[in-house]
Amino acid sequence: MSALLRNFAVAVGLNYWSHEVTDIDVDWIDGEPAIMFNNSWGTGYGTNGRGIRQGSKRLADDAVCLRTSLAS
């Protein structure tokens, strides 16, 4: 969630769904954080290919946030 708050996209794995998605933002719904994500199933999924995970389903089982740096 800290990477999302810094505007970094995060690739996450969701065991309950047996699927990987890209988390893109955090929003507050009903007083709790909710994760907005892009799905790989195309624009026919959710709203233009995006969805929201809430409650216990918002937690990822694995996550990768690619960052690069240059040697000085």
PDB file of N, CA and C in Angstrom:
ATOM      1  N   MET A   1       0.826  -1.187   0.000  1.00  0.00           N
ATOM      2  CA  MET A   1       0.000   0.000   0.000  1.00  0.00           C
ATOM      3  C   MET A   1       0.872   1.254   0.000  1.00  0.00           C
ATOM      4  N   SER A   2       2.024   1.191   0.639  1.00  0.00           N
ATOM      5  CA  SER A   2       2.893   2.370   0.667  1.00  0.00           C
ATOM      6  C   SER A   2       3.388   2.714  -0.733  1.00  0.00           C
ATOM      7  N   ALA A   3       3.659   1.712  -1.577  1.00  0.00           N
ATOM      8  CA  ALA A   3       4.073   1.980  -2.956  1.00  0.00           C
ATOM      9  C   ALA A   3       2.943   2.644  -3.734  1.00  0.00           C
ATOM     10  N   LEU A   4       1.722   2.194  -3.544  1.00  0.00           N
ATOM     11  CA  LEU A   4       0.579   2.793  -4.228  1.00  0.00           C
ATOM     12  C   LEU A   4       0.389   4.249  -3.827  1.00  0.00           C
ATOM     13  N   LEU A   5       0.596   4.551  -2.558  1.00  0.00           N
ATOM     14  CA  LEU A   5       0.465   5.923  -2.078  1.00  0.00           C
ATOM     15  C   LEU A   5       1.536   6.834  -2.665  1.00  0.00           C
ATOM     16  N   ARG A   6       2.630   6.222  -3.157  1.00  0.00           N
ATOM     17  CA  ARG A   6       3.692   6.973  -3.827  1.00  0.00           C
ATOM     18  C   ARG A   6       3.517   6.956  -5.354  1.00  0.00           C
ATOM     19  N   ASN A   7       2.340   6.493  -5.804  1.00  0.00           N
ATOM     20  CA  ASN A   7       1.992   6.431  -7.226  1.00  0.00           C
ATOM     21  C   ASN A   7       2.834   5.434  -8.013  1.00  0.00           C
ATOM     22  N   PHE A   8       3.236   4.316  -7.379  1.00  0.00           N
ATOM     23  CA  PHE A   8       3.935   3.233  -8.059  1.00  0.00           C
ATOM     24  C   PHE A   8       2.949   2.088  -8.261  1.00  0.00           C
ATOM     25  N   ALA A   9       2.831   1.595  -9.467  1.00  0.00           N
ATOM     26  CA  ALA A   9       1.995   0.418  -9.728  1.00  0.00           C
ATOM     27  C   ALA A   9       2.665  -0.813  -9.119  1.00  0.00           C
ATOM     28  N   VAL A  10       1.851  -1.767  -8.668  1.00  0.00           N
ATOM     29  CA  VAL A  10       2.362  -2.966  -8.001  1.00  0.00           C
ATOM     30  C   VAL A  10       1.706  -4.199  -8.607  1.00  0.00           C
ATOM     31  N   ALA A  11       2.527  -5.134  -9.097  1.00  0.00           N
ATOM     32  CA  ALA A  11       2.011  -6.415  -9.580  1.00  0.00           C
ATOM     33  C   ALA A  11       1.759  -7.295  -8.362  1.00  0.00           C
ATOM     34  N   VAL A  12       0.548  -7.844  -8.245  1.00  0.00           N
ATOM     35  CA  VAL A  12       0.210  -8.647  -7.062  1.00  0.00           C
ATOM     36  C   VAL A  12      -0.407  -9.977  -7.478  1.00  0.00           C
ATOM     37  N   GLY A  13      -0.173 -10.972  -6.640  1.00  0.00           N
ATOM     38  CA  GLY A  13      -0.788 -12.282  -6.808  1.00  0.00           C
ATOM     39  C   GLY A  13      -1.876 -12.477  -5.777  1.00  0.00           C
ATOM     40  N   LEU A  14      -2.992 -13.050  -6.215  1.00  0.00           N
ATOM     41  CA  LEU A  14      -4.141 -13.264  -5.337  1.00  0.00           C
ATOM     42  C   LEU A  14      -4.470 -14.755  -5.330  1.00  0.00           C
ATOM     43  N   ASN A  15      -4.105 -15.443  -4.261  1.00  0.00           N
ATOM     44  CA  ASN A  15      -4.335 -16.892  -4.193  1.00  0.00           C
ATOM     45  C   ASN A  15      -5.810 -17.251  -4.292  1.00  0.00           C
ATOM     46  N   TYR A  16      -6.690 -16.478  -3.650  1.00  0.00           N
ATOM     47  CA  TYR A  16      -8.117 -16.822  -3.665  1.00  0.00           C
ATOM     48  C   TYR A  16      -8.687 -16.789  -5.081  1.00  0.00           C
ATOM     49  N   TRP A  17      -8.009 -16.070  -5.988  1.00  0.00           N
ATOM     50  CA  TRP A  17      -8.488 -15.894  -7.346  1.00  0.00           C
ATOM     51  C   TRP A  17      -7.640 -16.674  -8.350  1.00  0.00           C
ATOM     52  N   SER A  18      -6.471 -17.172  -7.881  1.00  0.00           N
ATOM     53  CA  SER A  18      -5.487 -17.819  -8.760  1.00  0.00           C
ATOM     54  C   SER A  18      -5.172 -16.916  -9.947  1.00  0.00           C
ATOM     55  N   HIS A  19      -4.859 -15.651  -9.645  1.00  0.00           N
ATOM     56  CA  HIS A  19      -4.709 -14.645 -10.695  1.00  0.00           C
ATOM     57  C   HIS A  19      -3.735 -13.566 -10.245  1.00  0.00           C
ATOM     58  N   GLU A  20      -3.106 -12.914 -11.223  1.00  0.00           N
ATOM     59  CA  GLU A  20      -2.245 -11.760 -10.980  1.00  0.00           C
ATOM     60  C   GLU A  20      -2.912 -10.529 -11.579  1.00  0.00           C
ATOM     61  N   VAL A  21      -2.828  -9.404 -10.890  1.00  0.00           N
ATOM     62  CA  VAL A  21      -3.358  -8.132 -11.381  1.00  0.00           C
ATOM     63  C   VAL A  21      -2.345  -7.041 -11.066  1.00  0.00           C
ATOM     64  N   THR A  22      -2.608  -5.838 -11.532  1.00  0.00           N
ATOM     65  CA  THR A  22      -1.748  -4.701 -11.227  1.00  0.00           C
ATOM     66  C   THR A  22      -2.524  -3.699 -10.385  1.00  0.00           C
ATOM     67  N   ASP A  23      -2.094  -3.539  -9.138  1.00  0.00           N
ATOM     68  CA  ASP A  23      -2.710  -2.539  -8.259  1.00  0.00           C
ATOM     69  C   ASP A  23      -2.221  -1.164  -8.691  1.00  0.00           C
ATOM     70  N   ILE A  24      -3.158  -0.201  -8.743  1.00  0.00           N
ATOM     71  CA  ILE A  24      -2.794   1.117  -9.258  1.00  0.00           C
ATOM     72  C   ILE A  24      -3.098   2.279  -8.313  1.00  0.00           C
ATOM     73  N   ASP A  25      -3.976   2.075  -7.328  1.00  0.00           N
ATOM     74  CA  ASP A  25      -4.340   3.206  -6.467  1.00  0.00           C
ATOM     75  C   ASP A  25      -5.034   2.706  -5.208  1.00  0.00           C
ATOM     76  N   VAL A  26      -5.060   3.567  -4.197  1.00  0.00           N
ATOM     77  CA  VAL A  26      -5.776   3.295  -2.942  1.00  0.00           C
ATOM     78  C   VAL A  26      -6.890   4.322  -2.817  1.00  0.00           C
ATOM     79  N   ASP A  27      -8.066   3.859  -2.431  1.00  0.00           N
ATOM     80  CA  ASP A  27      -9.201   4.750  -2.206  1.00  0.00           C
ATOM     81  C   ASP A  27      -9.807   4.369  -0.862  1.00  0.00           C
ATOM     82  N   TRP A  28     -10.603   5.232  -0.295  1.00  0.00           N
ATOM     83  CA  TRP A  28     -11.296   4.930   0.963  1.00  0.00           C
ATOM     84  C   TRP A  28     -12.766   4.714   0.666  1.00  0.00           C
ATOM     85  N   ILE A  29     -13.276   3.547   1.038  1.00  0.00           N
ATOM     86  CA  ILE A  29     -14.688   3.212   0.853  1.00  0.00           C
ATOM     87  C   ILE A  29     -15.216   2.702   2.184  1.00  0.00           C
ATOM     88  N   ASP A  30     -16.289   3.294   2.671  1.00  0.00           N
ATOM     89  CA  ASP A  30     -16.885   2.919   3.956  1.00  0.00           C
ATOM     90  C   ASP A  30     -15.865   2.973   5.093  1.00  0.00           C
ATOM     91  N   GLY A  31     -14.964   3.947   5.049  1.00  0.00           N
ATOM     92  CA  GLY A  31     -13.996   4.154   6.117  1.00  0.00           C
ATOM     93  C   GLY A  31     -12.817   3.200   6.127  1.00  0.00           C
ATOM     94  N   GLU A  32     -12.663   2.388   5.070  1.00  0.00           N
ATOM     95  CA  GLU A  32     -11.542   1.444   4.996  1.00  0.00           C
ATOM     96  C   GLU A  32     -10.845   1.594   3.648  1.00  0.00           C
ATOM     97  N   PRO A  33      -9.543   1.293   3.620  1.00  0.00           N
ATOM     98  CA  PRO A  33      -8.848   1.377   2.336  1.00  0.00           C
ATOM     99  C   PRO A  33      -9.344   0.300   1.374  1.00  0.00           C
ATOM    100  N   ALA A  34      -9.437   0.667   0.113  1.00  0.00           N
ATOM    101  CA  ALA A  34      -9.804  -0.246  -0.959  1.00  0.00           C
ATOM    102  C   ALA A  34      -8.768  -0.090  -2.062  1.00  0.00           C
ATOM    103  N   ILE A  35      -8.445  -1.182  -2.728  1.00  0.00           N
ATOM    104  CA  ILE A  35      -7.396  -1.185  -3.744  1.00  0.00           C
ATOM    105  C   ILE A  35      -8.018  -1.187  -5.137  1.00  0.00           C
ATOM    106  N   MET A  36      -7.640  -0.215  -5.951  1.00  0.00           N
ATOM    107  CA  MET A  36      -8.060  -0.177  -7.345  1.00  0.00           C
ATOM    108  C   MET A  36      -7.010  -0.916  -8.167  1.00  0.00           C
ATOM    109  N   PHE A  37      -7.474  -1.749  -9.126  1.00  0.00           N
ATOM    110  CA  PHE A  37      -6.522  -2.549  -9.895  1.00  0.00           C
ATOM    111  C   PHE A  37      -6.923  -2.639 -11.366  1.00  0.00           C
ATOM    112  N   ASN A  38      -5.928  -2.896 -12.207  1.00  0.00           N
ATOM    113  CA  ASN A  38      -6.140  -3.212 -13.616  1.00  0.00           C
ATOM    114  C   ASN A  38      -6.092  -4.719 -13.757  1.00  0.00           C
ATOM    115  N   ASN A  39      -7.045  -5.268 -14.497  1.00  0.00           N
ATOM    116  CA  ASN A  39      -7.095  -6.696 -14.740  1.00  0.00           C
ATOM    117  C   ASN A  39      -6.627  -6.968 -16.165  1.00  0.00           C
ATOM    118  N   SER A  40      -6.078  -8.137 -16.407  1.00  0.00           N
ATOM    119  CA  SER A  40      -5.560  -8.495 -17.730  1.00  0.00           C
ATOM    120  C   SER A  40      -6.641  -9.009 -18.669  1.00  0.00           C
ATOM    121  N   TRP A  41      -7.885  -9.079 -18.237  1.00  0.00           N
ATOM    122  CA  TRP A  41      -8.957  -9.660 -19.040  1.00  0.00           C
ATOM    123  C   TRP A  41      -9.563  -8.679 -20.033  1.00  0.00           C
ATOM    124  N   GLY A  42      -9.011  -7.484 -20.148  1.00  0.00           N
ATOM    125  CA  GLY A  42      -9.492  -6.524 -21.130  1.00  0.00           C
ATOM    126  C   GLY A  42     -10.553  -5.593 -20.568  1.00  0.00           C
ATOM    127  N   THR A  43     -11.034  -4.721 -21.427  1.00  0.00           N
ATOM    128  CA  THR A  43     -11.964  -3.677 -20.995  1.00  0.00           C
ATOM    129  C   THR A  43     -13.354  -4.195 -20.672  1.00  0.00           C
ATOM    130  N   GLY A  44     -13.641  -5.447 -20.998  1.00  0.00           N
ATOM    131  CA  GLY A  44     -14.943  -6.020 -20.663  1.00  0.00           C
ATOM    132  C   GLY A  44     -15.086  -6.357 -19.191  1.00  0.00           C
ATOM    133  N   TYR A  45     -13.966  -6.396 -18.447  1.00  0.00           N
ATOM    134  CA  TYR A  45     -14.004  -6.683 -17.017  1.00  0.00           C
ATOM    135  C   TYR A  45     -14.232  -5.401 -16.241  1.00  0.00           C
ATOM    136  N   GLY A  46     -15.104  -5.424 -15.252  1.00  0.00           N
ATOM    137  CA  GLY A  46     -15.312  -4.279 -14.364  1.00  0.00           C
ATOM    138  C   GLY A  46     -15.661  -3.014 -15.130  1.00  0.00           C
ATOM    139  N   THR A  47     -14.997  -1.933 -14.790  1.00  0.00           N
ATOM    140  CA  THR A  47     -15.179  -0.653 -15.475  1.00  0.00           C
ATOM    141  C   THR A  47     -13.936  -0.397 -16.315  1.00  0.00           C
ATOM    142  N   ASN A  48     -14.061  -0.636 -17.619  1.00  0.00           N
ATOM    143  CA  ASN A  48     -12.924  -0.463 -18.541  1.00  0.00           C
ATOM    144  C   ASN A  48     -11.700  -1.270 -18.110  1.00  0.00           C
ATOM    145  N   GLY A  49     -11.918  -2.481 -17.623  1.00  0.00           N
ATOM    146  CA  GLY A  49     -10.813  -3.353 -17.236  1.00  0.00           C
ATOM    147  C   GLY A  49     -10.306  -3.146 -15.825  1.00  0.00           C
ATOM    148  N   ARG A  50     -10.950  -2.278 -15.074  1.00  0.00           N
ATOM    149  CA  ARG A  50     -10.517  -1.986 -13.700  1.00  0.00           C
ATOM    150  C   ARG A  50     -11.530  -2.492 -12.687  1.00  0.00           C
ATOM    151  N   GLY A  51     -11.023  -2.794 -11.503  1.00  0.00           N
ATOM    152  CA  GLY A  51     -11.878  -3.239 -10.418  1.00  0.00           C
ATOM    153  C   GLY A  51     -11.391  -2.691  -9.095  1.00  0.00           C
ATOM    154  N   ILE A  52     -12.116  -3.019  -8.023  1.00  0.00           N
ATOM    155  CA  ILE A  52     -11.771  -2.580  -6.668  1.00  0.00           C
ATOM    156  C   ILE A  52     -11.849  -3.789  -5.752  1.00  0.00           C
ATOM    157  N   ARG A  53     -10.806  -3.977  -4.923  1.00  0.00           N
ATOM    158  CA  ARG A  53     -10.821  -5.030  -3.908  1.00  0.00           C
ATOM    159  C   ARG A  53     -10.993  -4.378  -2.537  1.00  0.00           C
ATOM    160  N   GLN A  54     -11.911  -4.944  -1.764  1.00  0.00           N
ATOM    161  CA  GLN A  54     -12.195  -4.412  -0.428  1.00  0.00           C
ATOM    162  C   GLN A  54     -12.101  -5.527   0.606  1.00  0.00           C
ATOM    163  N   GLY A  55     -12.090  -5.124   1.866  1.00  0.00           N
ATOM    164  CA  GLY A  55     -12.081  -6.087   2.961  1.00  0.00           C
ATOM    165  C   GLY A  55     -10.854  -6.975   2.911  1.00  0.00           C
ATOM    166  N   SER A  56     -11.011  -8.246   3.290  1.00  0.00           N
ATOM    167  CA  SER A  56      -9.869  -9.159   3.323  1.00  0.00           C
ATOM    168  C   SER A  56      -9.327  -9.453   1.928  1.00  0.00           C
ATOM    169  N   LYS A  57     -10.131  -9.261   0.899  1.00  0.00           N
ATOM    170  CA  LYS A  57      -9.671  -9.524  -0.472  1.00  0.00           C
ATOM    171  C   LYS A  57      -8.725  -8.438  -0.984  1.00  0.00           C
ATOM    172  N   ARG A  58      -8.602  -7.329  -0.285  1.00  0.00           N
ATOM    173  CA  ARG A  58      -7.689  -6.280  -0.736  1.00  0.00           C
ATOM    174  C   ARG A  58      -6.235  -6.666  -0.495  1.00  0.00           C
ATOM    175  N   LEU A  59      -5.997  -7.637   0.388  1.00  0.00           N
ATOM    176  CA  LEU A  59      -4.633  -8.030   0.725  1.00  0.00           C
ATOM    177  C   LEU A  59      -4.079  -8.994  -0.317  1.00  0.00           C
ATOM    178  N   ALA A  60      -2.881  -8.703  -0.788  1.00  0.00           N
ATOM    179  CA  ALA A  60      -2.228  -9.561  -1.785  1.00  0.00           C
ATOM    180  C   ALA A  60      -1.408 -10.648  -1.095  1.00  0.00           C
ATOM    181  N   ASP A  61      -1.241 -11.778  -1.788  1.00  0.00           N
ATOM    182  CA  ASP A  61      -0.415 -12.860  -1.265  1.00  0.00           C
ATOM    183  C   ASP A  61       1.044 -12.712  -1.687  1.00  0.00           C
ATOM    184  N   ASP A  62       1.286 -11.987  -2.762  1.00  0.00           N
ATOM    185  CA  ASP A  62       2.645 -11.601  -3.136  1.00  0.00           C
ATOM    186  C   ASP A  62       2.562 -10.280  -3.878  1.00  0.00           C
ATOM    187  N   ALA A  63       3.664  -9.556  -3.895  1.00  0.00           N
ATOM    188  CA  ALA A  63       3.654  -8.247  -4.544  1.00  0.00           C
ATOM    189  C   ALA A  63       5.062  -7.894  -5.015  1.00  0.00           C
ATOM    190  N   VAL A  64       5.123  -7.233  -6.181  1.00  0.00           N
ATOM    191  CA  VAL A  64       6.393  -6.773  -6.736  1.00  0.00           C
ATOM    192  C   VAL A  64       6.194  -5.366  -7.268  1.00  0.00           C
ATOM    193  N   CYS A  65       7.068  -4.472  -6.869  1.00  0.00           N
ATOM    194  CA  CYS A  65       7.031  -3.092  -7.370  1.00  0.00           C
ATOM    195  C   CYS A  65       8.404  -2.794  -7.967  1.00  0.00           C
ATOM    196  N   LEU A  66       8.471  -2.737  -9.287  1.00  0.00           N
ATOM    197  CA  LEU A  66       9.746  -2.506  -9.956  1.00  0.00           C
ATOM    198  C   LEU A  66      10.179  -1.062  -9.816  1.00  0.00           C
ATOM    199  N   ARG A  67      11.395  -0.888  -9.412  1.00  0.00           N
ATOM    200  CA  ARG A  67      12.007   0.437  -9.314  1.00  0.00           C
ATOM    201  C   ARG A  67      13.403   0.315  -9.902  1.00  0.00           C
ATOM    202  N   THR A  68      13.861   1.311 -10.564  1.00  0.00           N
ATOM    203  CA  THR A  68      15.207   1.301 -11.102  1.00  0.00           C
ATOM    204  C   THR A  68      15.995   2.459 -10.531  1.00  0.00           C
ATOM    205  N   SER A  69      17.288   2.299 -10.513  1.00  0.00           N
ATOM    206  CA  SER A  69      18.147   3.376 -10.044  1.00  0.00           C
ATOM    207  C   SER A  69      19.389   3.411 -10.918  1.00  0.00           C
ATOM    208  N   LEU A  70      20.020   4.544 -10.950  1.00  0.00           N
ATOM    209  CA  LEU A  70      21.247   4.716 -11.714  1.00  0.00           C
ATOM    210  C   LEU A  70      22.414   4.861 -10.743  1.00  0.00           C
ATOM    211  N   ALA A  71      23.503   4.195 -11.071  1.00  0.00           N
ATOM    212  CA  ALA A  71      24.687   4.331 -10.245  1.00  0.00           C
ATOM    213  C   ALA A  71      25.240   5.740 -10.418  1.00  0.00           C
ATOM    214  N   SER A  72      25.707   6.310  -9.324  1.00  0.00           N
ATOM    215  CA  SER A  72      26.244   7.674  -9.429  1.00  0.00           C
ATOM    216  C   SER A  72      27.745   7.657  -9.524  1.00  0.00           C
TER     217      SER A  72
END
